[in-house]
PDBML (XML) file of the C-alpha atoms, coordinates in Angstrom:
<?xml version="1.0" encoding="UTF-8" ?>
<PDBx:datablock datablockName="MODEL"
   xmlns:PDBx="http://pdbml.pdb.org/schema/pdbx-v50.xsd"
   xmlns:xsi="http://www.w3.org/2001/XMLSchema-instance"
   xsi:schemaLocation="http://pdbml.pdb.org/schema/pdbx-v50.xsd pdbx-v50.xsd">
   <PDBx:atom_siteCategory>
      <PDBx:atom_site id="1">
         <PDBx:B_iso_or_equiv>0.00</PDBx:B_iso_or_equiv>
         <PDBx:Cartn_x>-22.473</PDBx:Cartn_x>
         <PDBx:Cartn_y>-47.210</PDBx:Cartn_y>
         <PDBx:Cartn_z>-59.246</PDBx:Cartn_z>
         <PDBx:auth_asym_id>A</PDBx:auth_asym_id>
         <PDBx:auth_atom_id>CA</PDBx:auth_atom_id>
         <PDBx:auth_comp_id>UNK</PDBx:auth_comp_id>
         <PDBx:auth_seq_id>1</PDBx:auth_seq_id>
         <PDBx:group_PDB>ATOM</PDBx:group_PDB>
         <PDBx:label_alt_id xsi:nil="true" />
         <PDBx:label_asym_id>A</PDBx:label_asym_id>
         <PDBx:label_atom_id>CA</PDBx:label_atom_id>
         <PDBx:label_comp_id>UNK</PDBx:label_comp_id>
         <PDBx:label_entity_id>1</PDBx:label_entity_id>
         <PDBx:label_seq_id>1</PDBx:label_seq_id>
         <PDBx:occupancy>1.00</PDBx:occupancy>
         <PDBx:pdbx_PDB_model_num>1</PDBx:pdbx_PDB_model_num>
         <PDBx:type_symbol>C</PDBx:type_symbol>
      </PDBx:atom_site>
      <PDBx:atom_site id="2">
         <PDBx:B_iso_or_equiv>0.00</PDBx:B_iso_or_equiv>
         <PDBx:Cartn_x>-23.058</PDBx:Cartn_x>
         <PDBx:Cartn_y>-45.598</PDBx:Cartn_y>
         <PDBx:Cartn_z>-62.807</PDBx:Cartn_z>
         <PDBx:auth_asym_id>A</PDBx:auth_asym_id>
         <PDBx:auth_atom_id>CA</PDBx:auth_atom_id>
         <PDBx:auth_comp_id>UNK</PDBx:auth_comp_id>
         <PDBx:auth_seq_id>2</PDBx:auth_seq_id>
         <PDBx:group_PDB>ATOM</PDBx:group_PDB>
         <PDBx:label_alt_id xsi:nil="true" />
         <PDBx:label_asym_id>A</PDBx:label_asym_id>
         <PDBx:label_atom_id>CA</PDBx:label_atom_id>
         <PDBx:label_comp_id>UNK</PDBx:label_comp_id>
         <PDBx:label_entity_id>1</PDBx:label_entity_id>
         <PDBx:label_seq_id>2</PDBx:label_seq_id>
         <PDBx:occupancy>1.00</PDBx:occupancy>
         <PDBx:pdbx_PDB_model_num>1</PDBx:pdbx_PDB_model_num>
         <PDBx:type_symbol>C</PDBx:type_symbol>
      </PDBx:atom_site>
      <PDBx:atom_site id="3">
         <PDBx:B_iso_or_equiv>0.00</PDBx:B_iso_or_equiv>
         <PDBx:Cartn_x>-21.108</PDBx:Cartn_x>
         <PDBx:Cartn_y>-48.631</PDBx:Cartn_y>
         <PDBx:Cartn_z>-63.889</PDBx:Cartn_z>
         <PDBx:auth_asym_id>A</PDBx:auth_asym_id>
         <PDBx:auth_atom_id>CA</PDBx:auth_atom_id>
         <PDBx:auth_comp_id>UNK</PDBx:auth_comp_id>
         <PDBx:auth_seq_id>3</PDBx:auth_seq_id>
         <PDBx:group_PDB>ATOM</PDBx:group_PDB>
         <PDBx:label_alt_id xsi:nil="true" />
         <PDBx:label_asym_id>A</PDBx:label_asym_id>
         <PDBx:label_atom_id>CA</PDBx:label_atom_id>
         <PDBx:label_comp_id>UNK</PDBx:label_comp_id>
         <PDBx:label_entity_id>1</PDBx:label_entity_id>
         <PDBx:label_seq_id>3</PDBx:label_seq_id>
         <PDBx:occupancy>1.00</PDBx:occupancy>
         <PDBx:pdbx_PDB_model_num>1</PDBx:pdbx_PDB_model_num>
         <PDBx:type_symbol>C</PDBx:type_symbol>
      </PDBx:atom_site>
      <PDBx:atom_site id="4">
         <PDBx:B_iso_or_equiv>0.00</PDBx:B_iso_or_equiv>
         <PDBx:Cartn_x>-22.807</PDBx:Cartn_x>
         <PDBx:Cartn_y>-50.854</PDBx:Cartn_y>
         <PDBx:Cartn_z>-62.462</PDBx:Cartn_z>
         <PDBx:auth_asym_id>A</PDBx:auth_asym_id>
         <PDBx:auth_atom_id>CA</PDBx:auth_atom_id>
         <PDBx:auth_comp_id>UNK</PDBx:auth_comp_id>
         <PDBx:auth_seq_id>4</PDBx:auth_seq_id>
         <PDBx:group_PDB>ATOM</PDBx:group_PDB>
         <PDBx:label_alt_id xsi:nil="true" />
         <PDBx:label_asym_id>A</PDBx:label_asym_id>
         <PDBx:label_atom_id>CA</PDBx:label_atom_id>
         <PDBx:label_comp_id>UNK</PDBx:label_comp_id>
         <PDBx:label_entity_id>1</PDBx:label_entity_id>
         <PDBx:label_seq_id>4</PDBx:label_seq_id>
         <PDBx:occupancy>1.00</PDBx:occupancy>
         <PDBx:pdbx_PDB_model_num>1</PDBx:pdbx_PDB_model_num>
         <PDBx:type_symbol>C</PDBx:type_symbol>
      </PDBx:atom_site>
      <PDBx:atom_site id="5">
         <PDBx:B_iso_or_equiv>0.00</PDBx:B_iso_or_equiv>
         <PDBx:Cartn_x>-26.022</PDBx:Cartn_x>
         <PDBx:Cartn_y>-50.281</PDBx:Cartn_y>
         <PDBx:Cartn_z>-64.050</PDBx:Cartn_z>
         <PDBx:auth_asym_id>A</PDBx:auth_asym_id>
         <PDBx:auth_atom_id>CA</PDBx:auth_atom_id>
         <PDBx:auth_comp_id>UNK</PDBx:auth_comp_id>
         <PDBx:auth_seq_id>5</PDBx:auth_seq_id>
         <PDBx:group_PDB>ATOM</PDBx:group_PDB>
         <PDBx:label_alt_id xsi:nil="true" />
         <PDBx:label_asym_id>A</PDBx:label_asym_id>
         <PDBx:label_atom_id>CA</PDBx:label_atom_id>
         <PDBx:label_comp_id>UNK</PDBx:label_comp_id>
         <PDBx:label_entity_id>1</PDBx:label_entity_id>
         <PDBx:label_seq_id>5</PDBx:label_seq_id>
         <PDBx:occupancy>1.00</PDBx:occupancy>
         <PDBx:pdbx_PDB_model_num>1</PDBx:pdbx_PDB_model_num>
         <PDBx:type_symbol>C</PDBx:type_symbol>
      </PDBx:atom_site>
      <PDBx:atom_site id="6">
         <PDBx:B_iso_or_equiv>0.00</PDBx:B_iso_or_equiv>
         <PDBx:Cartn_x>-24.493</PDBx:Cartn_x>
         <PDBx:Cartn_y>-49.125</PDBx:Cartn_y>
         <PDBx:Cartn_z>-67.087</PDBx:Cartn_z>
         <PDBx:auth_asym_id>A</PDBx:auth_asym_id>
         <PDBx:auth_atom_id>CA</PDBx:auth_atom_id>
         <PDBx:auth_comp_id>UNK</PDBx:auth_comp_id>
         <PDBx:auth_seq_id>6</PDBx:auth_seq_id>
         <PDBx:group_PDB>ATOM</PDBx:group_PDB>
         <PDBx:label_alt_id xsi:nil="true" />
         <PDBx:label_asym_id>A</PDBx:label_asym_id>
         <PDBx:label_atom_id>CA</PDBx:label_atom_id>
         <PDBx:label_comp_id>UNK</PDBx:label_comp_id>
         <PDBx:label_entity_id>1</PDBx:label_entity_id>
         <PDBx:label_seq_id>6</PDBx:label_seq_id>
         <PDBx:occupancy>1.00</PDBx:occupancy>
         <PDBx:pdbx_PDB_model_num>1</PDBx:pdbx_PDB_model_num>
         <PDBx:type_symbol>C</PDBx:type_symbol>
      </PDBx:atom_site>
      <PDBx:atom_site id="7">
         <PDBx:B_iso_or_equiv>0.00</PDBx:B_iso_or_equiv>
         <PDBx:Cartn_x>-22.327</PDBx:Cartn_x>
         <PDBx:Cartn_y>-51.975</PDBx:Cartn_y>
         <PDBx:Cartn_z>-67.681</PDBx:Cartn_z>
         <PDBx:auth_asym_id>A</PDBx:auth_asym_id>
         <PDBx:auth_atom_id>CA</PDBx:auth_atom_id>
         <PDBx:auth_comp_id>UNK</PDBx:auth_comp_id>
         <PDBx:auth_seq_id>7</PDBx:auth_seq_id>
         <PDBx:group_PDB>ATOM</PDBx:group_PDB>
         <PDBx:label_alt_id xsi:nil="true" />
         <PDBx:label_asym_id>A</PDBx:label_asym_id>
         <PDBx:label_atom_id>CA</PDBx:label_atom_id>
         <PDBx:label_comp_id>UNK</PDBx:label_comp_id>
         <PDBx:label_entity_id>1</PDBx:label_entity_id>
         <PDBx:label_seq_id>7</PDBx:label_seq_id>
         <PDBx:occupancy>1.00</PDBx:occupancy>
         <PDBx:pdbx_PDB_model_num>1</PDBx:pdbx_PDB_model_num>
         <PDBx:type_symbol>C</PDBx:type_symbol>
      </PDBx:atom_site>
      <PDBx:atom_site id="8">
         <PDBx:B_iso_or_equiv>0.00</PDBx:B_iso_or_equiv>
         <PDBx:Cartn_x>-25.974</PDBx:Cartn_x>
         <PDBx:Cartn_y>-54.125</PDBx:Cartn_y>
         <PDBx:Cartn_z>-66.279</PDBx:Cartn_z>
         <PDBx:auth_asym_id>A</PDBx:auth_asym_id>
         <PDBx:auth_atom_id>CA</PDBx:auth_atom_id>
         <PDBx:auth_comp_id>UNK</PDBx:auth_comp_id>
         <PDBx:auth_seq_id>8</PDBx:auth_seq_id>
         <PDBx:group_PDB>ATOM</PDBx:group_PDB>
         <PDBx:label_alt_id xsi:nil="true" />
         <PDBx:label_asym_id>A</PDBx:label_asym_id>
         <PDBx:label_atom_id>CA</PDBx:label_atom_id>
         <PDBx:label_comp_id>UNK</PDBx:label_comp_id>
         <PDBx:label_entity_id>1</PDBx:label_entity_id>
         <PDBx:label_seq_id>8</PDBx:label_seq_id>
         <PDBx:occupancy>1.00</PDBx:occupancy>
         <PDBx:pdbx_PDB_model_num>1</PDBx:pdbx_PDB_model_num>
         <PDBx:type_symbol>C</PDBx:type_symbol>
      </PDBx:atom_site>
      <PDBx:atom_site id="9">
         <PDBx:B_iso_or_equiv>0.00</PDBx:B_iso_or_equiv>
         <PDBx:Cartn_x>-27.904</PDBx:Cartn_x>
         <PDBx:Cartn_y>-52.903</PDBx:Cartn_y>
         <PDBx:Cartn_z>-69.663</PDBx:Cartn_z>
         <PDBx:auth_asym_id>A</PDBx:auth_asym_id>
         <PDBx:auth_atom_id>CA</PDBx:auth_atom_id>
         <PDBx:auth_comp_id>UNK</PDBx:auth_comp_id>
         <PDBx:auth_seq_id>9</PDBx:auth_seq_id>
         <PDBx:group_PDB>ATOM</PDBx:group_PDB>
         <PDBx:label_alt_id xsi:nil="true" />
         <PDBx:label_asym_id>A</PDBx:label_asym_id>
         <PDBx:label_atom_id>CA</PDBx:label_atom_id>
         <PDBx:label_comp_id>UNK</PDBx:label_comp_id>
         <PDBx:label_entity_id>1</PDBx:label_entity_id>
         <PDBx:label_seq_id>9</PDBx:label_seq_id>
         <PDBx:occupancy>1.00</PDBx:occupancy>
         <PDBx:pdbx_PDB_model_num>1</PDBx:pdbx_PDB_model_num>
         <PDBx:type_symbol>C</PDBx:type_symbol>
      </PDBx:atom_site>
      <PDBx:atom_site id="10">
         <PDBx:B_iso_or_equiv>0.00</PDBx:B_iso_or_equiv>
         <PDBx:Cartn_x>-25.448</PDBx:Cartn_x>
         <PDBx:Cartn_y>-53.108</PDBx:Cartn_y>
         <PDBx:Cartn_z>-72.219</PDBx:Cartn_z>
         <PDBx:auth_asym_id>A</PDBx:auth_asym_id>
         <PDBx:auth_atom_id>CA</PDBx:auth_atom_id>
         <PDBx:auth_comp_id>UNK</PDBx:auth_comp_id>
         <PDBx:auth_seq_id>10</PDBx:auth_seq_id>
         <PDBx:group_PDB>ATOM</PDBx:group_PDB>
         <PDBx:label_alt_id xsi:nil="true" />
         <PDBx:label_asym_id>A</PDBx:label_asym_id>
         <PDBx:label_atom_id>CA</PDBx:label_atom_id>
         <PDBx:label_comp_id>UNK</PDBx:label_comp_id>
         <PDBx:label_entity_id>1</PDBx:label_entity_id>
         <PDBx:label_seq_id>10</PDBx:label_seq_id>
         <PDBx:occupancy>1.00</PDBx:occupancy>
         <PDBx:pdbx_PDB_model_num>1</PDBx:pdbx_PDB_model_num>
         <PDBx:type_symbol>C</PDBx:type_symbol>
      </PDBx:atom_site>
      <PDBx:atom_site id="11">
         <PDBx:B_iso_or_equiv>0.00</PDBx:B_iso_or_equiv>
         <PDBx:Cartn_x>-24.591</PDBx:Cartn_x>
         <PDBx:Cartn_y>-56.804</PDBx:Cartn_y>
         <PDBx:Cartn_z>-71.533</PDBx:Cartn_z>
         <PDBx:auth_asym_id>A</PDBx:auth_asym_id>
         <PDBx:auth_atom_id>CA</PDBx:auth_atom_id>
         <PDBx:auth_comp_id>UNK</PDBx:auth_comp_id>
         <PDBx:auth_seq_id>11</PDBx:auth_seq_id>
         <PDBx:group_PDB>ATOM</PDBx:group_PDB>
         <PDBx:label_alt_id xsi:nil="true" />
         <PDBx:label_asym_id>A</PDBx:label_asym_id>
         <PDBx:label_atom_id>CA</PDBx:label_atom_id>
         <PDBx:label_comp_id>UNK</PDBx:label_comp_id>
         <PDBx:label_entity_id>1</PDBx:label_entity_id>
         <PDBx:label_seq_id>11</PDBx:label_seq_id>
         <PDBx:occupancy>1.00</PDBx:occupancy>
         <PDBx:pdbx_PDB_model_num>1</PDBx:pdbx_PDB_model_num>
         <PDBx:type_symbol>C</PDBx:type_symbol>
      </PDBx:atom_site>
      <PDBx:atom_site id="12">
         <PDBx:B_iso_or_equiv>0.00</PDBx:B_iso_or_equiv>
         <PDBx:Cartn_x>-28.192</PDBx:Cartn_x>
         <PDBx:Cartn_y>-57.303</PDBx:Cartn_y>
         <PDBx:Cartn_z>-71.420</PDBx:Cartn_z>
         <PDBx:auth_asym_id>A</PDBx:auth_asym_id>
         <PDBx:auth_atom_id>CA</PDBx:auth_atom_id>
         <PDBx:auth_comp_id>UNK</PDBx:auth_comp_id>
         <PDBx:auth_seq_id>12</PDBx:auth_seq_id>
         <PDBx:group_PDB>ATOM</PDBx:group_PDB>
         <PDBx:label_alt_id xsi:nil="true" />
         <PDBx:label_asym_id>A</PDBx:label_asym_id>
         <PDBx:label_atom_id>CA</PDBx:label_atom_id>
         <PDBx:label_comp_id>UNK</PDBx:label_comp_id>
         <PDBx:label_entity_id>1</PDBx:label_entity_id>
         <PDBx:label_seq_id>12</PDBx:label_seq_id>
         <PDBx:occupancy>1.00</PDBx:occupancy>
         <PDBx:pdbx_PDB_model_num>1</PDBx:pdbx_PDB_model_num>
         <PDBx:type_symbol>C</PDBx:type_symbol>
      </PDBx:atom_site>
      <PDBx:atom_site id="13">
         <PDBx:B_iso_or_equiv>0.00</PDBx:B_iso_or_equiv>
         <PDBx:Cartn_x>-29.067</PDBx:Cartn_x>
         <PDBx:Cartn_y>-56.202</PDBx:Cartn_y>
         <PDBx:Cartn_z>-75.158</PDBx:Cartn_z>
         <PDBx:auth_asym_id>A</PDBx:auth_asym_id>
         <PDBx:auth_atom_id>CA</PDBx:auth_atom_id>
         <PDBx:auth_comp_id>UNK</PDBx:auth_comp_id>
         <PDBx:auth_seq_id>13</PDBx:auth_seq_id>
         <PDBx:group_PDB>ATOM</PDBx:group_PDB>
         <PDBx:label_alt_id xsi:nil="true" />
         <PDBx:label_asym_id>A</PDBx:label_asym_id>
         <PDBx:label_atom_id>CA</PDBx:label_atom_id>
         <PDBx:label_comp_id>UNK</PDBx:label_comp_id>
         <PDBx:label_entity_id>1</PDBx:label_entity_id>
         <PDBx:label_seq_id>13</PDBx:label_seq_id>
         <PDBx:occupancy>1.00</PDBx:occupancy>
         <PDBx:pdbx_PDB_model_num>1</PDBx:pdbx_PDB_model_num>
         <PDBx:type_symbol>C</PDBx:type_symbol>
      </PDBx:atom_site>
      <PDBx:atom_site id="14">
         <PDBx:B_iso_or_equiv>0.00</PDBx:B_iso_or_equiv>
         <PDBx:Cartn_x>-25.184</PDBx:Cartn_x>
         <PDBx:Cartn_y>-56.407</PDBx:Cartn_y>
         <PDBx:Cartn_z>-76.807</PDBx:Cartn_z>
         <PDBx:auth_asym_id>A</PDBx:auth_asym_id>
         <PDBx:auth_atom_id>CA</PDBx:auth_atom_id>
         <PDBx:auth_comp_id>UNK</PDBx:auth_comp_id>
         <PDBx:auth_seq_id>14</PDBx:auth_seq_id>
         <PDBx:group_PDB>ATOM</PDBx:group_PDB>
         <PDBx:label_alt_id xsi:nil="true" />
         <PDBx:label_asym_id>A</PDBx:label_asym_id>
         <PDBx:label_atom_id>CA</PDBx:label_atom_id>
         <PDBx:label_comp_id>UNK</PDBx:label_comp_id>
         <PDBx:label_entity_id>1</PDBx:label_entity_id>
         <PDBx:label_seq_id>14</PDBx:label_seq_id>
         <PDBx:occupancy>1.00</PDBx:occupancy>
         <PDBx:pdbx_PDB_model_num>1</PDBx:pdbx_PDB_model_num>
         <PDBx:type_symbol>C</PDBx:type_symbol>
      </PDBx:atom_site>
      <PDBx:atom_site id="15">
         <PDBx:B_iso_or_equiv>0.00</PDBx:B_iso_or_equiv>
         <PDBx:Cartn_x>-24.454</PDBx:Cartn_x>
         <PDBx:Cartn_y>-59.245</PDBx:Cartn_y>
         <PDBx:Cartn_z>-74.742</PDBx:Cartn_z>
         <PDBx:auth_asym_id>A</PDBx:auth_asym_id>
         <PDBx:auth_atom_id>CA</PDBx:auth_atom_id>
         <PDBx:auth_comp_id>UNK</PDBx:auth_comp_id>
         <PDBx:auth_seq_id>15</PDBx:auth_seq_id>
         <PDBx:group_PDB>ATOM</PDBx:group_PDB>
         <PDBx:label_alt_id xsi:nil="true" />
         <PDBx:label_asym_id>A</PDBx:label_asym_id>
         <PDBx:label_atom_id>CA</PDBx:label_atom_id>
         <PDBx:label_comp_id>UNK</PDBx:label_comp_id>
         <PDBx:label_entity_id>1</PDBx:label_entity_id>
         <PDBx:label_seq_id>15</PDBx:label_seq_id>
         <PDBx:occupancy>1.00</PDBx:occupancy>
         <PDBx:pdbx_PDB_model_num>1</PDBx:pdbx_PDB_model_num>
         <PDBx:type_symbol>C</PDBx:type_symbol>
      </PDBx:atom_site>
      <PDBx:atom_site id="16">
         <PDBx:B_iso_or_equiv>0.00</PDBx:B_iso_or_equiv>
         <PDBx:Cartn_x>-27.823</PDBx:Cartn_x>
         <PDBx:Cartn_y>-61.421</PDBx:Cartn_y>
         <PDBx:Cartn_z>-73.970</PDBx:Cartn_z>
         <PDBx:auth_asym_id>A</PDBx:auth_asym_id>
         <PDBx:auth_atom_id>CA</PDBx:auth_atom_id>
         <PDBx:auth_comp_id>UNK</PDBx:auth_comp_id>
         <PDBx:auth_seq_id>16</PDBx:auth_seq_id>
         <PDBx:group_PDB>ATOM</PDBx:group_PDB>
         <PDBx:label_alt_id xsi:nil="true" />
         <PDBx:label_asym_id>A</PDBx:label_asym_id>
         <PDBx:label_atom_id>CA</PDBx:label_atom_id>
         <PDBx:label_comp_id>UNK</PDBx:label_comp_id>
         <PDBx:label_entity_id>1</PDBx:label_entity_id>
         <PDBx:label_seq_id>16</PDBx:label_seq_id>
         <PDBx:occupancy>1.00</PDBx:occupancy>
         <PDBx:pdbx_PDB_model_num>1</PDBx:pdbx_PDB_model_num>
         <PDBx:type_symbol>C</PDBx:type_symbol>
      </PDBx:atom_site>
      <PDBx:atom_site id="17">
         <PDBx:B_iso_or_equiv>0.00</PDBx:B_iso_or_equiv>
         <PDBx:Cartn_x>-26.681</PDBx:Cartn_x>
         <PDBx:Cartn_y>-61.586</PDBx:Cartn_y>
         <PDBx:Cartn_z>-70.801</PDBx:Cartn_z>
         <PDBx:auth_asym_id>A</PDBx:auth_asym_id>
         <PDBx:auth_atom_id>CA</PDBx:auth_atom_id>
         <PDBx:auth_comp_id>UNK</PDBx:auth_comp_id>
         <PDBx:auth_seq_id>17</PDBx:auth_seq_id>
         <PDBx:group_PDB>ATOM</PDBx:group_PDB>
         <PDBx:label_alt_id xsi:nil="true" />
         <PDBx:label_asym_id>A</PDBx:label_asym_id>
         <PDBx:label_atom_id>CA</PDBx:label_atom_id>
         <PDBx:label_comp_id>UNK</PDBx:label_comp_id>
         <PDBx:label_entity_id>1</PDBx:label_entity_id>
         <PDBx:label_seq_id>17</PDBx:label_seq_id>
         <PDBx:occupancy>1.00</PDBx:occupancy>
         <PDBx:pdbx_PDB_model_num>1</PDBx:pdbx_PDB_model_num>
         <PDBx:type_symbol>C</PDBx:type_symbol>
      </PDBx:atom_site>
      <PDBx:atom_site id="18">
         <PDBx:B_iso_or_equiv>0.00</PDBx:B_iso_or_equiv>
         <PDBx:Cartn_x>-29.794</PDBx:Cartn_x>
         <PDBx:Cartn_y>-61.840</PDBx:Cartn_y>
         <PDBx:Cartn_z>-67.719</PDBx:Cartn_z>
         <PDBx:auth_asym_id>A</PDBx:auth_asym_id>
         <PDBx:auth_atom_id>CA</PDBx:auth_atom_id>
         <PDBx:auth_comp_id>UNK</PDBx:auth_comp_id>
         <PDBx:auth_seq_id>18</PDBx:auth_seq_id>
         <PDBx:group_PDB>ATOM</PDBx:group_PDB>
         <PDBx:label_alt_id xsi:nil="true" />
         <PDBx:label_asym_id>A</PDBx:label_asym_id>
         <PDBx:label_atom_id>CA</PDBx:label_atom_id>
         <PDBx:label_comp_id>UNK</PDBx:label_comp_id>
         <PDBx:label_entity_id>1</PDBx:label_entity_id>
         <PDBx:label_seq_id>18</PDBx:label_seq_id>
         <PDBx:occupancy>1.00</PDBx:occupancy>
         <PDBx:pdbx_PDB_model_num>1</PDBx:pdbx_PDB_model_num>
         <PDBx:type_symbol>C</PDBx:type_symbol>
      </PDBx:atom_site>
      <PDBx:atom_site id="19">
         <PDBx:B_iso_or_equiv>0.00</PDBx:B_iso_or_equiv>
         <PDBx:Cartn_x>-29.349</PDBx:Cartn_x>
         <PDBx:Cartn_y>-58.544</PDBx:Cartn_y>
         <PDBx:Cartn_z>-66.113</PDBx:Cartn_z>
         <PDBx:auth_asym_id>A</PDBx:auth_asym_id>
         <PDBx:auth_atom_id>CA</PDBx:auth_atom_id>
         <PDBx:auth_comp_id>UNK</PDBx:auth_comp_id>
         <PDBx:auth_seq_id>19</PDBx:auth_seq_id>
         <PDBx:group_PDB>ATOM</PDBx:group_PDB>
         <PDBx:label_alt_id xsi:nil="true" />
         <PDBx:label_asym_id>A</PDBx:label_asym_id>
         <PDBx:label_atom_id>CA</PDBx:label_atom_id>
         <PDBx:label_comp_id>UNK</PDBx:label_comp_id>
         <PDBx:label_entity_id>1</PDBx:label_entity_id>
         <PDBx:label_seq_id>19</PDBx:label_seq_id>
         <PDBx:occupancy>1.00</PDBx:occupancy>
         <PDBx:pdbx_PDB_model_num>1</PDBx:pdbx_PDB_model_num>
         <PDBx:type_symbol>C</PDBx:type_symbol>
      </PDBx:atom_site>
      <PDBx:atom_site id="20">
         <PDBx:B_iso_or_equiv>0.00</PDBx:B_iso_or_equiv>
         <PDBx:Cartn_x>-30.441</PDBx:Cartn_x>
         <PDBx:Cartn_y>-59.426</PDBx:Cartn_y>
         <PDBx:Cartn_z>-61.861</PDBx:Cartn_z>
         <PDBx:auth_asym_id>A</PDBx:auth_asym_id>
         <PDBx:auth_atom_id>CA</PDBx:auth_atom_id>
         <PDBx:auth_comp_id>UNK</PDBx:auth_comp_id>
         <PDBx:auth_seq_id>20</PDBx:auth_seq_id>
         <PDBx:group_PDB>ATOM</PDBx:group_PDB>
         <PDBx:label_alt_id xsi:nil="true" />
         <PDBx:label_asym_id>A</PDBx:label_asym_id>
         <PDBx:label_atom_id>CA</PDBx:label_atom_id>
         <PDBx:label_comp_id>UNK</PDBx:label_comp_id>
         <PDBx:label_entity_id>1</PDBx:label_entity_id>
         <PDBx:label_seq_id>20</PDBx:label_seq_id>
         <PDBx:occupancy>1.00</PDBx:occupancy>
         <PDBx:pdbx_PDB_model_num>1</PDBx:pdbx_PDB_model_num>
         <PDBx:type_symbol>C</PDBx:type_symbol>
      </PDBx:atom_site>
      <PDBx:atom_site id="21">
         <PDBx:B_iso_or_equiv>0.00</PDBx:B_iso_or_equiv>
         <PDBx:Cartn_x>-29.402</PDBx:Cartn_x>
         <PDBx:Cartn_y>-55.910</PDBx:Cartn_y>
         <PDBx:Cartn_z>-61.191</PDBx:Cartn_z>
         <PDBx:auth_asym_id>A</PDBx:auth_asym_id>
         <PDBx:auth_atom_id>CA</PDBx:auth_atom_id>
         <PDBx:auth_comp_id>UNK</PDBx:auth_comp_id>
         <PDBx:auth_seq_id>21</PDBx:auth_seq_id>
         <PDBx:group_PDB>ATOM</PDBx:group_PDB>
         <PDBx:label_alt_id xsi:nil="true" />
         <PDBx:label_asym_id>A</PDBx:label_asym_id>
         <PDBx:label_atom_id>CA</PDBx:label_atom_id>
         <PDBx:label_comp_id>UNK</PDBx:label_comp_id>
         <PDBx:label_entity_id>1</PDBx:label_entity_id>
         <PDBx:label_seq_id>21</PDBx:label_seq_id>
         <PDBx:occupancy>1.00</PDBx:occupancy>
         <PDBx:pdbx_PDB_model_num>1</PDBx:pdbx_PDB_model_num>
         <PDBx:type_symbol>C</PDBx:type_symbol>
      </PDBx:atom_site>
      <PDBx:atom_site id="22">
         <PDBx:B_iso_or_equiv>0.00</PDBx:B_iso_or_equiv>
         <PDBx:Cartn_x>-32.069</PDBx:Cartn_x>
         <PDBx:Cartn_y>-54.754</PDBx:Cartn_y>
         <PDBx:Cartn_z>-63.532</PDBx:Cartn_z>
         <PDBx:auth_asym_id>A</PDBx:auth_asym_id>
         <PDBx:auth_atom_id>CA</PDBx:auth_atom_id>
         <PDBx:auth_comp_id>UNK</PDBx:auth_comp_id>
         <PDBx:auth_seq_id>22</PDBx:auth_seq_id>
         <PDBx:group_PDB>ATOM</PDBx:group_PDB>
         <PDBx:label_alt_id xsi:nil="true" />
         <PDBx:label_asym_id>A</PDBx:label_asym_id>
         <PDBx:label_atom_id>CA</PDBx:label_atom_id>
         <PDBx:label_comp_id>UNK</PDBx:label_comp_id>
         <PDBx:label_entity_id>1</PDBx:label_entity_id>
         <PDBx:label_seq_id>22</PDBx:label_seq_id>
         <PDBx:occupancy>1.00</PDBx:occupancy>
         <PDBx:pdbx_PDB_model_num>1</PDBx:pdbx_PDB_model_num>
         <PDBx:type_symbol>C</PDBx:type_symbol>
      </PDBx:atom_site>
      <PDBx:atom_site id="23">
         <PDBx:B_iso_or_equiv>0.00</PDBx:B_iso_or_equiv>
         <PDBx:Cartn_x>-34.641</PDBx:Cartn_x>
         <PDBx:Cartn_y>-57.179</PDBx:Cartn_y>
         <PDBx:Cartn_z>-63.641</PDBx:Cartn_z>
         <PDBx:auth_asym_id>A</PDBx:auth_asym_id>
         <PDBx:auth_atom_id>CA</PDBx:auth_atom_id>
         <PDBx:auth_comp_id>UNK</PDBx:auth_comp_id>
         <PDBx:auth_seq_id>23</PDBx:auth_seq_id>
         <PDBx:group_PDB>ATOM</PDBx:group_PDB>
         <PDBx:label_alt_id xsi:nil="true" />
         <PDBx:label_asym_id>A</PDBx:label_asym_id>
         <PDBx:label_atom_id>CA</PDBx:label_atom_id>
         <PDBx:label_comp_id>UNK</PDBx:label_comp_id>
         <PDBx:label_entity_id>1</PDBx:label_entity_id>
         <PDBx:label_seq_id>23</PDBx:label_seq_id>
         <PDBx:occupancy>1.00</PDBx:occupancy>
         <PDBx:pdbx_PDB_model_num>1</PDBx:pdbx_PDB_model_num>
         <PDBx:type_symbol>C</PDBx:type_symbol>
      </PDBx:atom_site>
      <PDBx:atom_site id="24">
         <PDBx:B_iso_or_equiv>0.00</PDBx:B_iso_or_equiv>
         <PDBx:Cartn_x>-34.942</PDBx:Cartn_x>
         <PDBx:Cartn_y>-59.096</PDBx:Cartn_y>
         <PDBx:Cartn_z>-60.628</PDBx:Cartn_z>
         <PDBx:auth_asym_id>A</PDBx:auth_asym_id>
         <PDBx:auth_atom_id>CA</PDBx:auth_atom_id>
         <PDBx:auth_comp_id>UNK</PDBx:auth_comp_id>
         <PDBx:auth_seq_id>24</PDBx:auth_seq_id>
         <PDBx:group_PDB>ATOM</PDBx:group_PDB>
         <PDBx:label_alt_id xsi:nil="true" />
         <PDBx:label_asym_id>A</PDBx:label_asym_id>
         <PDBx:label_atom_id>CA</PDBx:label_atom_id>
         <PDBx:label_comp_id>UNK</PDBx:label_comp_id>
         <PDBx:label_entity_id>1</PDBx:label_entity_id>
         <PDBx:label_seq_id>24</PDBx:label_seq_id>
         <PDBx:occupancy>1.00</PDBx:occupancy>
         <PDBx:pdbx_PDB_model_num>1</PDBx:pdbx_PDB_model_num>
         <PDBx:type_symbol>C</PDBx:type_symbol>
      </PDBx:atom_site>
   </PDBx:atom_siteCategory>
</PDBx:datablock>
């Protein structure tokens, strides 16, 4: 669970992908 939020945040900010887990 923790890793899913960490990865979503890092992917959004360092790989510039969308992050439904955080933004939807």
